[in-house]
Amino acid sequence: MPTEYQAGETPAGTPGRRKNTMPSFLPTQQPVVADAKSCEAWLARATLADPKQACHELTGLLEALEDVSPPESAYLEILERLREPIVIAQAEHGKKFAARPLPLKEYEISAFEQVYDLWATLGRAFRRLLRAAIEDGSPDLACTGGASLKWYENLAPAN
């Protein structure tokens, strides 16, 4: 049966305030990475030597950018700058499951899922930019990254 506590009382029974340790669900107002320069700074601080950690950190960054995105032209520059580290992380982490006999072992499945999540997140980012370029006729995107968007257009499923 759950114990009820008096106002200001902690579970140990001593008076005091309970600290609110829950994270805020409100998005930050500024993107984690706002432009190519801040992307370079993020890459310099990130732990990318270990492929598993690199996949985790890169996926986390891309997901954070989904929540609060920079302007479209800066977003495209950021994605272009992240392309090489993503390819390297994927190639290195992919060695754990590529050309392995089926069924995959648990650690191989985990590596596959991490690489899949990374590429799926990158795909969502490019799809978002592609839709913006098509729907809004964004001249910035057409000038700065037409080749990237064209490259992704061939991979994007029709929705």
N, C-alpha and C. Protein backbone atom coordinates (compact mmCIF):
# COMPACT_ATOMS: atom_id res chain seq x y z
N MET A 1 0.84 -1.16 0.00
CA MET A 1 0.00 0.00 0.00
C MET A 1 0.89 1.24 0.00
N PRO A 2 0.64 2.21 -0.90
CA PRO A 2 1.49 3.39 -0.98
C PRO A 2 1.37 4.25 0.27
N THR A 3 2.50 4.81 0.67
CA THR A 3 2.55 5.69 1.82
C THR A 3 2.29 7.11 1.37
N GLU A 4 1.50 7.84 2.15
CA GLU A 4 1.25 9.24 1.82
C GLU A 4 2.18 10.10 2.67
N TYR A 5 2.67 11.18 2.10
CA TYR A 5 3.58 12.08 2.78
C TYR A 5 2.89 13.42 3.00
N GLN A 6 3.25 14.05 4.08
CA GLN A 6 2.74 15.38 4.37
C GLN A 6 3.45 16.38 3.45
N ALA A 7 2.82 17.52 3.23
CA ALA A 7 3.42 18.56 2.39
C ALA A 7 4.79 18.93 2.94
N GLY A 8 5.78 18.96 2.08
CA GLY A 8 7.13 19.34 2.48
C GLY A 8 7.93 18.20 3.07
N GLU A 9 7.36 17.00 3.16
CA GLU A 9 8.07 15.89 3.75
C GLU A 9 8.64 15.01 2.62
N THR A 10 9.85 14.53 2.79
CA THR A 10 10.48 13.66 1.81
C THR A 10 10.19 12.22 2.16
N PRO A 11 10.43 11.26 1.27
CA PRO A 11 10.17 9.86 1.59
C PRO A 11 10.95 9.39 2.82
N ALA A 12 12.10 9.98 3.14
CA ALA A 12 12.87 9.57 4.31
C ALA A 12 12.23 10.09 5.59
N GLY A 13 11.22 10.95 5.48
CA GLY A 13 10.53 11.45 6.63
C GLY A 13 11.08 12.76 7.17
N THR A 14 12.11 13.29 6.53
CA THR A 14 12.68 14.55 6.99
C THR A 14 12.05 15.69 6.23
N PRO A 15 11.86 16.81 6.89
CA PRO A 15 11.28 17.95 6.18
C PRO A 15 12.20 18.43 5.08
N GLY A 16 11.65 18.94 4.04
CA GLY A 16 12.44 19.45 2.92
C GLY A 16 11.59 19.55 1.68
N ARG A 17 12.19 20.05 0.63
CA ARG A 17 11.48 20.18 -0.64
C ARG A 17 11.91 19.07 -1.57
N ARG A 18 10.98 18.54 -2.28
CA ARG A 18 11.31 17.58 -3.33
C ARG A 18 11.73 18.36 -4.56
N LYS A 19 12.82 17.95 -5.14
CA LYS A 19 13.29 18.63 -6.34
C LYS A 19 12.58 18.03 -7.55
N ASN A 20 12.17 18.90 -8.44
CA ASN A 20 11.55 18.44 -9.68
C ASN A 20 12.67 18.04 -10.62
N THR A 21 12.86 16.74 -10.80
CA THR A 21 13.94 16.24 -11.65
C THR A 21 13.45 15.87 -13.04
N MET A 22 12.20 16.08 -13.32
CA MET A 22 11.67 15.75 -14.64
C MET A 22 12.12 16.80 -15.66
N PRO A 23 12.52 16.36 -16.84
CA PRO A 23 12.91 17.34 -17.86
C PRO A 23 11.70 18.08 -18.40
N SER A 24 11.94 19.26 -18.86
CA SER A 24 10.88 20.06 -19.46
C SER A 24 10.53 19.49 -20.83
N PHE A 25 9.25 19.51 -21.16
CA PHE A 25 8.83 19.05 -22.47
C PHE A 25 8.75 20.18 -23.47
N LEU A 26 9.03 21.38 -23.03
CA LEU A 26 8.98 22.52 -23.92
C LEU A 26 10.24 22.53 -24.78
N PRO A 27 10.11 22.70 -26.09
CA PRO A 27 11.31 22.71 -26.94
C PRO A 27 12.13 23.97 -26.69
N THR A 28 13.41 23.82 -26.93
CA THR A 28 14.27 25.00 -26.81
C THR A 28 13.96 25.94 -27.96
N GLN A 29 14.25 27.20 -27.77
CA GLN A 29 13.95 28.18 -28.80
C GLN A 29 15.00 28.21 -29.90
N GLN A 30 16.21 27.85 -29.57
CA GLN A 30 17.30 27.86 -30.54
C GLN A 30 17.64 26.43 -30.95
N PRO A 31 17.94 26.21 -32.22
CA PRO A 31 18.36 24.86 -32.62
C PRO A 31 19.70 24.52 -31.99
N VAL A 32 19.93 23.24 -31.79
CA VAL A 32 21.20 22.77 -31.22
C VAL A 32 22.36 23.24 -32.09
N VAL A 33 22.18 23.16 -33.38
CA VAL A 33 23.16 23.61 -34.36
C VAL A 33 22.41 24.55 -35.30
N ALA A 34 22.88 25.79 -35.40
CA ALA A 34 22.13 26.79 -36.16
C ALA A 34 22.68 27.06 -37.55
N ASP A 35 23.95 26.71 -37.79
CA ASP A 35 24.58 26.98 -39.08
C ASP A 35 25.80 26.10 -39.24
N ALA A 36 26.50 26.24 -40.36
CA ALA A 36 27.65 25.39 -40.64
C ALA A 36 28.76 25.59 -39.60
N LYS A 37 28.94 26.81 -39.14
CA LYS A 37 29.99 27.09 -38.15
C LYS A 37 29.69 26.38 -36.83
N SER A 38 28.46 26.47 -36.35
CA SER A 38 28.12 25.78 -35.10
C SER A 38 28.11 24.27 -35.29
N CYS A 39 27.85 23.81 -36.51
CA CYS A 39 27.94 22.38 -36.81
C CYS A 39 29.39 21.90 -36.68
N GLU A 40 30.31 22.70 -37.20
CA GLU A 40 31.74 22.37 -37.06
C GLU A 40 32.12 22.29 -35.59
N ALA A 41 31.65 23.24 -34.80
CA ALA A 41 31.95 23.24 -33.36
C ALA A 41 31.36 22.01 -32.69
N TRP A 42 30.13 21.63 -33.07
CA TRP A 42 29.50 20.43 -32.50
C TRP A 42 30.32 19.19 -32.86
N LEU A 43 30.74 19.10 -34.12
CA LEU A 43 31.54 17.95 -34.55
C LEU A 43 32.87 17.87 -33.80
N ALA A 44 33.46 19.02 -33.50
CA ALA A 44 34.72 19.04 -32.77
C ALA A 44 34.55 18.52 -31.35
N ARG A 45 33.38 18.75 -30.75
CA ARG A 45 33.12 18.30 -29.37
C ARG A 45 32.57 16.89 -29.30
N ALA A 46 31.96 16.41 -30.37
CA ALA A 46 31.27 15.11 -30.35
C ALA A 46 32.27 13.96 -30.27
N THR A 47 31.81 12.87 -29.66
CA THR A 47 32.61 11.66 -29.55
C THR A 47 32.25 10.77 -30.74
N LEU A 48 33.05 10.87 -31.79
CA LEU A 48 32.73 10.13 -33.02
C LEU A 48 33.75 9.03 -33.35
N ALA A 49 34.73 8.80 -32.47
CA ALA A 49 35.75 7.79 -32.75
C ALA A 49 35.17 6.38 -32.70
N ASP A 50 34.25 6.14 -31.78
CA ASP A 50 33.60 4.84 -31.67
C ASP A 50 32.37 4.85 -32.56
N PRO A 51 32.26 3.92 -33.52
CA PRO A 51 31.13 3.94 -34.46
C PRO A 51 29.76 3.86 -33.78
N LYS A 52 29.65 3.08 -32.73
CA LYS A 52 28.36 2.96 -32.02
C LYS A 52 27.99 4.30 -31.40
N GLN A 53 28.94 4.95 -30.74
CA GLN A 53 28.69 6.25 -30.13
C GLN A 53 28.42 7.30 -31.20
N ALA A 54 29.16 7.23 -32.31
CA ALA A 54 28.97 8.19 -33.40
C ALA A 54 27.55 8.09 -33.95
N CYS A 55 27.07 6.86 -34.19
CA CYS A 55 25.70 6.69 -34.68
C CYS A 55 24.70 7.26 -33.69
N HIS A 56 24.93 7.01 -32.42
CA HIS A 56 24.03 7.52 -31.38
C HIS A 56 24.02 9.04 -31.35
N GLU A 57 25.20 9.65 -31.35
CA GLU A 57 25.28 11.12 -31.27
C GLU A 57 24.74 11.80 -32.52
N LEU A 58 25.06 11.26 -33.69
CA LEU A 58 24.58 11.86 -34.94
C LEU A 58 23.06 11.73 -35.06
N THR A 59 22.53 10.58 -34.67
CA THR A 59 21.07 10.41 -34.69
C THR A 59 20.42 11.39 -33.72
N GLY A 60 21.00 11.54 -32.54
CA GLY A 60 20.47 12.48 -31.56
C GLY A 60 20.47 13.91 -32.07
N LEU A 61 21.54 14.30 -32.74
CA LEU A 61 21.60 15.65 -33.30
C LEU A 61 20.52 15.84 -34.37
N LEU A 62 20.39 14.89 -35.27
CA LEU A 62 19.39 15.00 -36.32
C LEU A 62 17.98 15.05 -35.74
N GLU A 63 17.72 14.27 -34.69
CA GLU A 63 16.41 14.31 -34.06
C GLU A 63 16.16 15.65 -33.37
N ALA A 64 17.21 16.20 -32.75
CA ALA A 64 17.07 17.53 -32.13
C ALA A 64 16.77 18.59 -33.18
N LEU A 65 17.37 18.46 -34.35
CA LEU A 65 17.12 19.41 -35.42
C LEU A 65 15.71 19.24 -36.00
N GLU A 66 15.14 18.05 -35.88
CA GLU A 66 13.75 17.87 -36.29
C GLU A 66 12.82 18.67 -35.39
N ASP A 67 13.14 18.70 -34.10
CA ASP A 67 12.30 19.40 -33.14
C ASP A 67 12.38 20.91 -33.31
N VAL A 68 13.59 21.44 -33.44
CA VAL A 68 13.80 22.88 -33.60
C VAL A 68 14.82 23.05 -34.72
N SER A 69 14.33 23.39 -35.89
CA SER A 69 15.18 23.46 -37.07
C SER A 69 15.71 24.87 -37.32
N PRO A 70 16.91 24.93 -37.88
CA PRO A 70 17.41 26.23 -38.34
C PRO A 70 16.72 26.60 -39.66
N PRO A 71 16.97 27.79 -40.20
CA PRO A 71 16.42 28.13 -41.52
C PRO A 71 16.83 27.09 -42.56
N GLU A 72 16.01 26.94 -43.57
CA GLU A 72 16.19 25.86 -44.54
C GLU A 72 17.56 25.83 -45.19
N SER A 73 18.08 26.97 -45.61
CA SER A 73 19.39 26.97 -46.28
C SER A 73 20.49 26.55 -45.31
N ALA A 74 20.41 26.99 -44.05
CA ALA A 74 21.40 26.58 -43.05
C ALA A 74 21.23 25.09 -42.72
N TYR A 75 19.99 24.63 -42.69
CA TYR A 75 19.71 23.22 -42.42
C TYR A 75 20.37 22.34 -43.49
N LEU A 76 20.25 22.75 -44.72
CA LEU A 76 20.87 22.00 -45.81
C LEU A 76 22.39 21.99 -45.68
N GLU A 77 22.98 23.12 -45.34
CA GLU A 77 24.44 23.18 -45.15
C GLU A 77 24.87 22.25 -44.01
N ILE A 78 24.08 22.21 -42.95
CA ILE A 78 24.38 21.34 -41.81
C ILE A 78 24.32 19.88 -42.25
N LEU A 79 23.27 19.51 -42.97
CA LEU A 79 23.14 18.12 -43.43
C LEU A 79 24.28 17.74 -44.36
N GLU A 80 24.68 18.66 -45.21
CA GLU A 80 25.81 18.40 -46.11
C GLU A 80 27.09 18.19 -45.31
N ARG A 81 27.28 18.98 -44.26
CA ARG A 81 28.48 18.85 -43.44
C ARG A 81 28.46 17.55 -42.65
N LEU A 82 27.28 17.07 -42.28
CA LEU A 82 27.17 15.83 -41.52
C LEU A 82 27.24 14.58 -42.39
N ARG A 83 27.12 14.76 -43.69
CA ARG A 83 27.08 13.58 -44.57
C ARG A 83 28.32 12.71 -44.42
N GLU A 84 29.51 13.29 -44.46
CA GLU A 84 30.73 12.49 -44.37
C GLU A 84 30.85 11.75 -43.03
N PRO A 85 30.67 12.42 -41.87
CA PRO A 85 30.72 11.67 -40.61
C PRO A 85 29.65 10.57 -40.53
N ILE A 86 28.49 10.81 -41.11
CA ILE A 86 27.44 9.79 -41.11
C ILE A 86 27.86 8.58 -41.93
N VAL A 87 28.40 8.82 -43.11
CA VAL A 87 28.84 7.72 -43.97
C VAL A 87 29.95 6.92 -43.28
N ILE A 88 30.88 7.60 -42.65
CA ILE A 88 31.97 6.91 -41.95
C ILE A 88 31.44 6.09 -40.79
N ALA A 89 30.57 6.68 -39.98
CA ALA A 89 29.99 5.95 -38.84
C ALA A 89 29.21 4.73 -39.32
N GLN A 90 28.44 4.92 -40.38
CA GLN A 90 27.65 3.81 -40.91
C GLN A 90 28.55 2.71 -41.44
N ALA A 91 29.57 3.07 -42.17
CA ALA A 91 30.47 2.06 -42.74
C ALA A 91 31.19 1.27 -41.66
N GLU A 92 31.68 1.97 -40.64
CA GLU A 92 32.41 1.30 -39.57
C GLU A 92 31.48 0.45 -38.71
N HIS A 93 30.33 0.98 -38.35
CA HIS A 93 29.39 0.23 -37.51
C HIS A 93 28.76 -0.91 -38.32
N GLY A 94 28.63 -0.71 -39.61
CA GLY A 94 28.06 -1.73 -40.48
C GLY A 94 28.92 -2.98 -40.58
N LYS A 95 30.19 -2.87 -40.25
CA LYS A 95 31.08 -4.05 -40.28
C LYS A 95 30.64 -5.11 -39.28
N LYS A 96 29.84 -4.71 -38.30
CA LYS A 96 29.36 -5.66 -37.30
C LYS A 96 28.25 -6.56 -37.81
N PHE A 97 27.58 -6.14 -38.90
CA PHE A 97 26.47 -6.96 -39.39
C PHE A 97 26.55 -7.27 -40.88
N ALA A 98 27.33 -6.52 -41.63
CA ALA A 98 27.39 -6.73 -43.08
C ALA A 98 28.12 -8.04 -43.38
N ALA A 99 27.59 -8.76 -44.35
CA ALA A 99 28.16 -10.02 -44.82
C ALA A 99 28.26 -11.07 -43.70
N ARG A 100 27.33 -11.03 -42.77
CA ARG A 100 27.29 -12.01 -41.68
C ARG A 100 26.19 -13.02 -41.99
N PRO A 101 26.39 -14.25 -41.55
CA PRO A 101 25.34 -15.25 -41.78
C PRO A 101 24.10 -14.94 -40.94
N LEU A 102 22.97 -15.30 -41.49
CA LEU A 102 21.70 -15.13 -40.78
C LEU A 102 21.40 -16.37 -39.98
N PRO A 103 20.74 -16.30 -38.90
CA PRO A 103 20.22 -15.11 -38.24
C PRO A 103 21.36 -14.33 -37.56
N LEU A 104 21.16 -13.03 -37.50
CA LEU A 104 22.15 -12.17 -36.87
C LEU A 104 22.13 -12.39 -35.35
N LYS A 105 23.30 -12.19 -34.76
CA LYS A 105 23.39 -12.25 -33.29
C LYS A 105 22.83 -10.96 -32.73
N GLU A 106 22.59 -10.95 -31.44
CA GLU A 106 21.96 -9.81 -30.77
C GLU A 106 22.74 -8.52 -30.99
N TYR A 107 24.06 -8.54 -30.84
CA TYR A 107 24.86 -7.32 -31.02
C TYR A 107 24.87 -6.87 -32.48
N GLU A 108 24.74 -7.80 -33.42
CA GLU A 108 24.67 -7.46 -34.84
C GLU A 108 23.33 -6.80 -35.17
N ILE A 109 22.27 -7.31 -34.58
CA ILE A 109 20.95 -6.71 -34.76
C ILE A 109 20.94 -5.30 -34.20
N SER A 110 21.54 -5.12 -33.04
CA SER A 110 21.59 -3.79 -32.42
C SER A 110 22.35 -2.81 -33.32
N ALA A 111 23.48 -3.24 -33.87
CA ALA A 111 24.25 -2.37 -34.76
C ALA A 111 23.44 -2.04 -36.01
N PHE A 112 22.76 -3.02 -36.59
CA PHE A 112 21.93 -2.78 -37.76
C PHE A 112 20.84 -1.76 -37.46
N GLU A 113 20.16 -1.92 -36.32
CA GLU A 113 19.09 -0.99 -35.97
C GLU A 113 19.61 0.42 -35.75
N GLN A 114 20.79 0.56 -35.17
CA GLN A 114 21.36 1.90 -34.96
C GLN A 114 21.68 2.57 -36.29
N VAL A 115 22.26 1.83 -37.21
CA VAL A 115 22.57 2.38 -38.52
C VAL A 115 21.29 2.72 -39.28
N TYR A 116 20.30 1.84 -39.19
CA TYR A 116 19.01 2.11 -39.83
C TYR A 116 18.39 3.39 -39.28
N ASP A 117 18.40 3.53 -37.95
CA ASP A 117 17.82 4.73 -37.34
C ASP A 117 18.53 5.99 -37.81
N LEU A 118 19.85 5.92 -37.93
CA LEU A 118 20.62 7.07 -38.40
C LEU A 118 20.20 7.46 -39.81
N TRP A 119 20.14 6.49 -40.71
CA TRP A 119 19.77 6.79 -42.10
C TRP A 119 18.31 7.22 -42.23
N ALA A 120 17.44 6.62 -41.43
CA ALA A 120 16.03 7.01 -41.47
C ALA A 120 15.86 8.46 -41.00
N THR A 121 16.61 8.85 -39.98
CA THR A 121 16.54 10.21 -39.47
C THR A 121 17.09 11.20 -40.49
N LEU A 122 18.20 10.84 -41.12
CA LEU A 122 18.76 11.68 -42.18
C LEU A 122 17.78 11.79 -43.35
N GLY A 123 17.15 10.69 -43.69
CA GLY A 123 16.16 10.70 -44.77
C GLY A 123 14.99 11.63 -44.47
N ARG A 124 14.51 11.62 -43.22
CA ARG A 124 13.42 12.52 -42.86
C ARG A 124 13.84 13.98 -43.00
N ALA A 125 15.09 14.27 -42.64
CA ALA A 125 15.59 15.65 -42.74
C ALA A 125 15.62 16.10 -44.20
N PHE A 126 16.17 15.26 -45.08
CA PHE A 126 16.22 15.62 -46.50
C PHE A 126 14.82 15.68 -47.11
N ARG A 127 13.94 14.77 -46.68
CA ARG A 127 12.57 14.79 -47.21
C ARG A 127 11.88 16.09 -46.82
N ARG A 128 12.11 16.55 -45.61
CA ARG A 128 11.53 17.81 -45.16
C ARG A 128 12.00 18.97 -46.03
N LEU A 129 13.28 19.01 -46.33
CA LEU A 129 13.81 20.07 -47.18
C LEU A 129 13.29 19.95 -48.61
N LEU A 130 13.19 18.74 -49.10
CA LEU A 130 12.68 18.53 -50.45
C LEU A 130 11.23 19.02 -50.55
N ARG A 131 10.43 18.68 -49.56
CA ARG A 131 9.04 19.15 -49.58
C ARG A 131 8.96 20.67 -49.51
N ALA A 132 9.83 21.26 -48.69
CA ALA A 132 9.84 22.73 -48.59
C ALA A 132 10.21 23.35 -49.93
N ALA A 133 11.18 22.76 -50.61
CA ALA A 133 11.61 23.29 -51.89
C ALA A 133 10.50 23.17 -52.93
N ILE A 134 9.77 22.08 -52.89
CA ILE A 134 8.70 21.86 -53.87
C ILE A 134 7.48 22.72 -53.54
N GLU A 135 7.04 22.68 -52.27
CA GLU A 135 5.82 23.38 -51.89
C GLU A 135 5.99 24.90 -51.85
N ASP A 136 7.11 25.35 -51.33
CA ASP A 136 7.33 26.79 -51.16
C ASP A 136 8.10 27.40 -52.32
N GLY A 137 8.64 26.54 -53.18
CA GLY A 137 9.49 27.06 -54.24
C GLY A 137 10.69 27.80 -53.67
N SER A 138 11.26 27.26 -52.59
CA SER A 138 12.36 27.92 -51.87
C SER A 138 13.56 28.17 -52.78
N PRO A 139 13.80 29.43 -53.16
CA PRO A 139 14.94 29.72 -54.03
C PRO A 139 16.26 29.46 -53.34
N ASP A 140 16.34 29.64 -52.01
CA ASP A 140 17.57 29.37 -51.28
C ASP A 140 17.99 27.92 -51.43
N LEU A 141 17.03 27.02 -51.32
CA LEU A 141 17.35 25.61 -51.42
C LEU A 141 17.74 25.24 -52.84
N ALA A 142 17.08 25.82 -53.78
CA ALA A 142 17.40 25.52 -55.18
C ALA A 142 18.82 25.96 -55.52
N CYS A 143 19.24 27.10 -54.98
CA CYS A 143 20.58 27.62 -55.29
C CYS A 143 21.67 26.91 -54.51
N THR A 144 21.43 26.61 -53.22
CA THR A 144 22.51 26.09 -52.40
C THR A 144 22.61 24.59 -52.39
N GLY A 145 21.54 23.91 -52.68
CA GLY A 145 21.63 22.47 -52.54
C GLY A 145 20.80 21.68 -53.51
N GLY A 146 20.62 22.17 -54.68
CA GLY A 146 19.81 21.45 -55.65
C GLY A 146 20.32 20.05 -55.91
N ALA A 147 21.64 19.88 -55.96
CA ALA A 147 22.20 18.56 -56.22
C ALA A 147 21.89 17.60 -55.08
N SER A 148 21.98 18.08 -53.85
CA SER A 148 21.68 17.23 -52.70
C SER A 148 20.22 16.82 -52.70
N LEU A 149 19.35 17.78 -52.96
CA LEU A 149 17.93 17.46 -52.98
C LEU A 149 17.59 16.54 -54.14
N LYS A 150 18.24 16.73 -55.28
CA LYS A 150 18.02 15.85 -56.42
C LYS A 150 18.48 14.44 -56.08
N TRP A 151 19.64 14.35 -55.40
CA TRP A 151 20.16 13.05 -54.97
C TRP A 151 19.16 12.36 -54.07
N TYR A 152 18.59 13.12 -53.11
CA TYR A 152 17.65 12.52 -52.18
C TYR A 152 16.32 12.22 -52.84
N GLU A 153 15.91 13.03 -53.80
CA GLU A 153 14.63 12.83 -54.48
C GLU A 153 14.55 11.43 -55.06
N ASN A 154 15.67 10.91 -55.54
CA ASN A 154 15.68 9.55 -56.10
C ASN A 154 15.51 8.48 -55.05
N LEU A 155 15.84 8.81 -53.77
CA LEU A 155 15.72 7.83 -52.70
C LEU A 155 14.40 7.94 -51.95
N ALA A 156 13.78 9.12 -51.99
CA ALA A 156 12.59 9.37 -51.18
C ALA A 156 11.38 8.60 -51.74
N PRO A 157 10.68 7.89 -50.86
CA PRO A 157 9.46 7.20 -51.33
C PRO A 157 8.37 8.24 -51.60
N ALA A 158 7.56 7.97 -52.58
CA ALA A 158 6.46 8.87 -52.89
C ALA A 158 5.38 8.74 -51.84
N ASN A 159 4.99 9.86 -51.24
CA ASN A 159 3.93 9.86 -50.21
C ASN A 159 2.76 10.64 -50.71
